[in-house]
Amino acid sequence: MACTLALGVVSVCGVAKMNAQTPEDDKKFLATVQQSDINEIKLSELAETKATNPAVKKFAMKMVTEHKMMEMKMKPFADEWGLQAPPDLDQDHKDEYAKLSGLSGADFDKEYVDAMKKDHTKALDLFTDEAKETKNMKFQAAVIQGKTHVAAHKNMAYDLGKKL
């Protein structure tokens, strides 16, 4: 009985120790990704209603769908590490949202696509660095999968920008 109890304590301590060893850089990256997903979703939801170019509307719909999917892929890690998704846009994206809200037509479409180019370029750099740096193999697999989506989003945004 004492041996079973000792194994149970070691087991619980092992789990606590494993969680305590989660690198802070991985947590910081994931918190950044959570904020980025919220930003992309909210700006793209606005674009779904305000964009006039059908290709921009289609792109915005894809951003909403795929960023929600990316949120779900990262949720198990966020839950394990005790991270909560942010409730709203960060300040830079609140400013961008306000700017976009005041635009219409081709001006809106161009500004939205420019914001997507900028955001996805920064995100791709973050995903690339995290994929190299993380030591958590399960997390690394999710990061690499996310990186593939972000790279595709960046390319779509740049291609779309050339047509506007």
Protein backbone atom coordinates (compact mmCIF):
# COMPACT_ATOMS: atom_id res chain seq x y z
CA MET A 1 0.00 0.00 0.00
CA ALA A 2 2.79 2.42 0.91
CA CYS A 3 4.53 1.55 -2.35
CA THR A 4 1.33 2.23 -4.34
CA LEU A 5 0.85 5.53 -2.54
CA ALA A 6 4.48 6.48 -3.24
CA LEU A 7 4.04 5.67 -6.94
CA GLY A 8 0.86 7.77 -7.01
CA VAL A 9 2.68 10.73 -5.46
CA VAL A 10 5.59 10.33 -7.86
CA SER A 11 3.11 10.17 -10.72
CA VAL A 12 1.32 13.38 -9.64
CA CYS A 13 4.63 15.12 -8.96
CA GLY A 14 5.87 14.03 -12.38
CA VAL A 15 2.88 15.69 -14.08
CA ALA A 16 3.29 18.88 -12.06
CA LYS A 17 6.99 18.94 -12.84
CA MET A 18 6.32 18.38 -16.54
CA ASN A 19 3.90 21.34 -16.64
CA ALA A 20 6.35 23.49 -14.69
CA GLN A 21 8.99 22.77 -17.33
CA THR A 22 6.90 24.12 -20.19
CA PRO A 23 9.20 26.74 -21.68
CA GLU A 24 7.99 30.27 -21.18
CA ASP A 25 8.90 31.05 -24.80
CA ASP A 26 6.38 28.45 -25.99
CA LYS A 27 3.70 29.99 -23.78
CA LYS A 28 4.58 33.48 -25.00
CA PHE A 29 4.43 32.33 -28.63
CA LEU A 30 1.06 30.66 -28.07
CA ALA A 31 -0.36 33.77 -26.38
CA THR A 32 0.79 35.81 -29.39
CA VAL A 33 -0.84 33.31 -31.77
CA GLN A 34 -4.09 33.44 -29.79
CA GLN A 35 -4.14 37.24 -30.08
CA SER A 36 -3.26 37.06 -33.76
CA ASP A 37 -6.12 34.65 -34.44
CA ILE A 38 -8.59 36.99 -32.70
CA ASN A 39 -7.24 39.93 -34.71
CA GLU A 40 -7.46 38.11 -38.05
CA ILE A 41 -10.94 36.76 -37.35
CA LYS A 42 -12.43 40.11 -36.31
CA LEU A 43 -10.84 42.09 -39.15
CA SER A 44 -11.88 39.41 -41.64
CA GLU A 45 -15.45 39.31 -40.31
CA LEU A 46 -15.59 43.04 -40.99
CA ALA A 47 -14.23 42.41 -44.49
CA GLU A 48 -16.87 39.75 -45.12
CA THR A 49 -19.50 42.49 -44.79
CA LYS A 50 -17.66 45.56 -46.16
CA ALA A 51 -15.44 44.29 -48.98
CA THR A 52 -16.73 45.02 -52.46
CA ASN A 53 -14.32 42.89 -54.47
CA PRO A 54 -15.61 39.28 -54.57
CA ALA A 55 -12.05 37.92 -54.31
CA VAL A 56 -11.47 39.97 -51.15
CA LYS A 57 -14.75 38.70 -49.66
CA LYS A 58 -13.76 35.11 -50.48
CA PHE A 59 -10.32 35.63 -48.92
CA ALA A 60 -11.89 37.12 -45.78
CA MET A 61 -14.21 34.13 -45.44
CA LYS A 62 -11.23 31.79 -45.75
CA MET A 63 -9.35 33.75 -43.08
CA VAL A 64 -12.26 33.45 -40.63
CA THR A 65 -12.65 29.71 -41.25
CA GLU A 66 -8.96 28.85 -41.15
CA HIS A 67 -8.06 31.03 -38.16
CA LYS A 68 -10.92 29.49 -36.17
CA MET A 69 -9.55 26.09 -37.15
CA MET A 70 -6.05 27.12 -36.06
CA GLU A 71 -7.50 28.29 -32.73
CA MET A 72 -8.95 24.83 -32.17
CA LYS A 73 -5.67 23.08 -33.06
CA MET A 74 -3.80 25.15 -30.47
CA LYS A 75 -6.52 25.01 -27.79
CA PRO A 76 -5.26 21.78 -26.14
CA PHE A 77 -1.88 23.41 -25.53
CA ALA A 78 -3.48 26.61 -24.25
CA ASP A 79 -5.68 24.59 -21.89
CA GLU A 80 -2.73 22.53 -20.64
CA TRP A 81 -0.63 25.64 -20.06
CA GLY A 82 -3.43 27.66 -18.47
CA LEU A 83 -3.69 30.29 -21.21
CA GLN A 84 -6.96 32.05 -21.94
CA ALA A 85 -7.74 33.42 -25.39
CA PRO A 86 -7.92 37.22 -25.37
CA PRO A 87 -11.45 38.63 -25.50
CA ASP A 88 -10.83 41.31 -28.12
CA LEU A 89 -8.48 42.92 -30.61
CA ASP A 90 -5.17 44.30 -29.38
CA GLN A 91 -4.78 48.09 -29.52
CA ASP A 92 -3.04 48.18 -32.93
CA HIS A 93 -5.83 46.12 -34.44
CA LYS A 94 -8.53 48.18 -32.72
CA ASP A 95 -6.98 51.16 -34.50
CA GLU A 96 -6.90 49.22 -37.79
CA TYR A 97 -10.54 48.15 -37.29
CA ALA A 98 -11.56 51.76 -36.73
CA LYS A 99 -9.66 52.83 -39.85
CA LEU A 100 -11.24 50.05 -41.92
CA SER A 101 -14.69 50.91 -40.58
CA GLY A 102 -14.34 54.40 -42.04
CA LEU A 103 -13.40 53.15 -45.50
CA SER A 104 -15.49 51.72 -48.31
CA GLY A 105 -15.14 50.27 -51.78
CA ALA A 106 -11.71 49.78 -53.27
CA ASP A 107 -10.10 51.80 -50.44
CA PHE A 108 -11.45 49.33 -47.88
CA ASP A 109 -10.39 46.31 -49.95
CA LYS A 110 -6.84 47.60 -50.39
CA GLU A 111 -6.38 48.57 -46.73
CA TYR A 112 -7.71 45.22 -45.51
CA VAL A 113 -5.44 43.23 -47.84
CA ASP A 114 -2.46 45.40 -46.88
CA ALA A 115 -3.17 44.67 -43.20
CA MET A 116 -3.35 40.95 -43.96
CA LYS A 117 -0.03 41.06 -45.83
CA LYS A 118 1.64 42.82 -42.91
CA ASP A 119 0.14 40.56 -40.24
CA HIS A 120 0.86 37.31 -42.04
CA THR A 121 4.44 38.33 -42.82
CA LYS A 122 5.07 38.94 -39.10
CA ALA A 123 3.23 35.75 -38.14
CA LEU A 124 5.24 33.64 -40.58
CA ASP A 125 8.49 34.88 -39.02
CA LEU A 126 7.19 33.97 -35.55
CA PHE A 127 6.03 30.49 -36.64
CA THR A 128 9.35 29.85 -38.41
CA ASP A 129 11.35 30.76 -35.30
CA GLU A 130 9.10 28.79 -32.95
CA ALA A 131 9.24 25.68 -35.15
CA LYS A 132 13.06 25.74 -34.80
CA GLU A 133 13.19 26.65 -31.10
CA THR A 134 10.53 24.61 -29.31
CA LYS A 135 11.64 21.37 -27.67
CA ASN A 136 8.07 20.09 -27.24
CA MET A 137 7.63 17.70 -30.16
CA LYS A 138 3.80 17.65 -30.10
CA PHE A 139 3.71 21.43 -29.98
CA GLN A 140 6.31 21.63 -32.74
CA ALA A 141 4.11 19.51 -35.01
CA ALA A 142 1.17 21.88 -34.40
CA VAL A 143 3.43 24.91 -35.01
CA ILE A 144 4.70 23.47 -38.30
CA GLN A 145 1.14 22.78 -39.43
CA GLY A 146 0.17 26.35 -38.45
CA LYS A 147 3.20 27.69 -40.27
CA THR A 148 2.01 26.02 -43.47
CA HIS A 149 -1.37 27.78 -43.19
CA VAL A 150 0.20 31.14 -42.36
CA ALA A 151 2.58 30.88 -45.34
CA ALA A 152 -0.38 30.11 -47.62
CA HIS A 153 -2.33 33.06 -46.16
CA LYS A 154 0.63 35.38 -46.72
CA ASN A 155 0.98 34.23 -50.34
CA MET A 156 -2.77 34.62 -50.96
CA ALA A 157 -2.72 38.13 -49.49
CA TYR A 158 0.25 39.19 -51.63
CA ASP A 159 -1.30 37.68 -54.77
CA LEU A 160 -4.61 39.38 -54.03
CA GLY A 161 -2.85 42.68 -53.36
CA LYS A 162 -1.31 42.61 -56.85
CA LYS A 163 -4.81 42.43 -58.36
CA LEU A 164 -6.25 45.41 -56.49
